[in-house]
Amino acid sequence: MITPCVGICKIDKETQICKGCSRTVEEIRMWSRYTDLERMDVMRRLGYGQREGREEKLRRYYRG
């Protein structure tokens, strides 16, 4: 499963966003229940759909 997780889980108390992967607490909680399309929507929002460095980013975070 592709994930933006980098293993540095620190939730900002004010924003409720992880400082490691930039997902919200809700996105982290629901990640395993999301469809592939929902996961890819979050990944795009986080910048993983950009052309430059895309393959390297996805390869680094692919845990399949």
C-alpha atoms as a PDB file:
ATOM      1  CA  MET A   1       0.000   0.000   0.000  1.00  0.00           C
ATOM      2  CA  ILE A   2       1.357   3.422  -0.929  1.00  0.00           C
ATOM      3  CA  THR A   3       1.623   5.785   2.005  1.00  0.00           C
ATOM      4  CA  PRO A   4       3.173   9.201   2.643  1.00  0.00           C
ATOM      5  CA  CYS A   5       4.216   8.079   6.137  1.00  0.00           C
ATOM      6  CA  VAL A   6       7.902   8.673   6.883  1.00  0.00           C
ATOM      7  CA  GLY A   7       7.836   7.164  10.364  1.00  0.00           C
ATOM      8  CA  ILE A   8       8.053  10.521  12.131  1.00  0.00           C
ATOM      9  CA  CYS A   9       4.651  10.748  13.778  1.00  0.00           C
ATOM     10  CA  LYS A  10       4.325  14.086  15.545  1.00  0.00           C
ATOM     11  CA  ILE A  11       0.895  15.671  15.553  1.00  0.00           C
ATOM     12  CA  ASP A  12       0.796  19.462  15.830  1.00  0.00           C
ATOM     13  CA  LYS A  13      -1.599  20.209  18.689  1.00  0.00           C
ATOM     14  CA  GLU A  14      -3.049  23.318  17.027  1.00  0.00           C
ATOM     15  CA  THR A  15      -3.481  22.146  13.435  1.00  0.00           C
ATOM     16  CA  GLN A  16      -3.937  18.406  14.107  1.00  0.00           C
ATOM     17  CA  ILE A  17      -1.588  17.719  11.161  1.00  0.00           C
ATOM     18  CA  CYS A  18       1.320  15.274  11.302  1.00  0.00           C
ATOM     19  CA  LYS A  19       4.672  17.039  11.007  1.00  0.00           C
ATOM     20  CA  GLY A  20       6.148  13.975   9.284  1.00  0.00           C
ATOM     21  CA  CYS A  21       3.670  13.216   6.501  1.00  0.00           C
ATOM     22  CA  SER A  22       1.397  16.306   6.536  1.00  0.00           C
ATOM     23  CA  ARG A  23      -1.803  14.265   6.800  1.00  0.00           C
ATOM     24  CA  THR A  24      -4.591  15.215   9.152  1.00  0.00           C
ATOM     25  CA  VAL A  25      -5.367  13.028  12.155  1.00  0.00           C
ATOM     26  CA  GLU A  26      -8.556  11.919  10.385  1.00  0.00           C
ATOM     27  CA  GLU A  27      -6.644  10.934   7.210  1.00  0.00           C
ATOM     28  CA  ILE A  28      -4.158   8.917   9.258  1.00  0.00           C
ATOM     29  CA  ARG A  29      -6.954   7.207  11.190  1.00  0.00           C
ATOM     30  CA  MET A  30      -8.912   6.334   8.047  1.00  0.00           C
ATOM     31  CA  TRP A  31      -5.957   5.502   5.733  1.00  0.00           C
ATOM     32  CA  SER A  32      -6.396   1.725   5.777  1.00  0.00           C
ATOM     33  CA  ARG A  33     -10.124   2.104   5.095  1.00  0.00           C
ATOM     34  CA  TYR A  34      -9.717   4.525   2.177  1.00  0.00           C
ATOM     35  CA  THR A  35     -10.092   3.284  -1.364  1.00  0.00           C
ATOM     36  CA  ASP A  36      -7.079   3.552  -3.674  1.00  0.00           C
ATOM     37  CA  LEU A  37      -8.700   6.601  -5.277  1.00  0.00           C
ATOM     38  CA  GLU A  38      -9.136   8.324  -1.912  1.00  0.00           C
ATOM     39  CA  ARG A  39      -5.514   7.588  -0.997  1.00  0.00           C
ATOM     40  CA  MET A  40      -4.273   8.961  -4.312  1.00  0.00           C
ATOM     41  CA  ASP A  41      -6.353  12.136  -3.793  1.00  0.00           C
ATOM     42  CA  VAL A  42      -4.571  12.704  -0.479  1.00  0.00           C
ATOM     43  CA  MET A  43      -1.194  11.888  -2.047  1.00  0.00           C
ATOM     44  CA  ARG A  44      -1.822  14.453  -4.805  1.00  0.00           C
ATOM     45  CA  ARG A  45      -2.798  17.071  -2.235  1.00  0.00           C
ATOM     46  CA  LEU A  46       0.486  16.395  -0.461  1.00  0.00           C
ATOM     47  CA  GLY A  47       2.413  16.959  -3.697  1.00  0.00           C
ATOM     48  CA  TYR A  48       3.073  13.401  -4.824  1.00  0.00           C
ATOM     49  CA  GLY A  49       1.400  13.918  -8.207  1.00  0.00           C
ATOM     50  CA  GLN A  50       3.983  16.427  -9.396  1.00  0.00           C
ATOM     51  CA  ARG A  51       6.174  15.313 -12.253  1.00  0.00           C
ATOM     52  CA  GLU A  52       9.580  16.153 -10.850  1.00  0.00           C
ATOM     53  CA  GLY A  53      10.784  13.527  -8.438  1.00  0.00           C
ATOM     54  CA  ARG A  54       7.468  11.652  -8.513  1.00  0.00           C
ATOM     55  CA  GLU A  55       8.952   8.189  -9.055  1.00  0.00           C
ATOM     56  CA  GLU A  56      11.588   8.718  -6.392  1.00  0.00           C
ATOM     57  CA  LYS A  57       9.008   9.903  -3.853  1.00  0.00           C
ATOM     58  CA  LEU A  58       6.640   7.013  -4.525  1.00  0.00           C
ATOM     59  CA  ARG A  59       9.459   4.444  -4.497  1.00  0.00           C
ATOM     60  CA  ARG A  60      10.661   5.780  -1.166  1.00  0.00           C
ATOM     61  CA  TYR A  61       7.237   5.529   0.430  1.00  0.00           C
ATOM     62  CA  TYR A  62       5.934   2.359  -1.212  1.00  0.00           C
ATOM     63  CA  ARG A  63       5.502  -0.358   1.361  1.00  0.00           C
ATOM     64  CA  GLY A  64       3.865  -3.054  -0.662  1.00  0.00           C
END
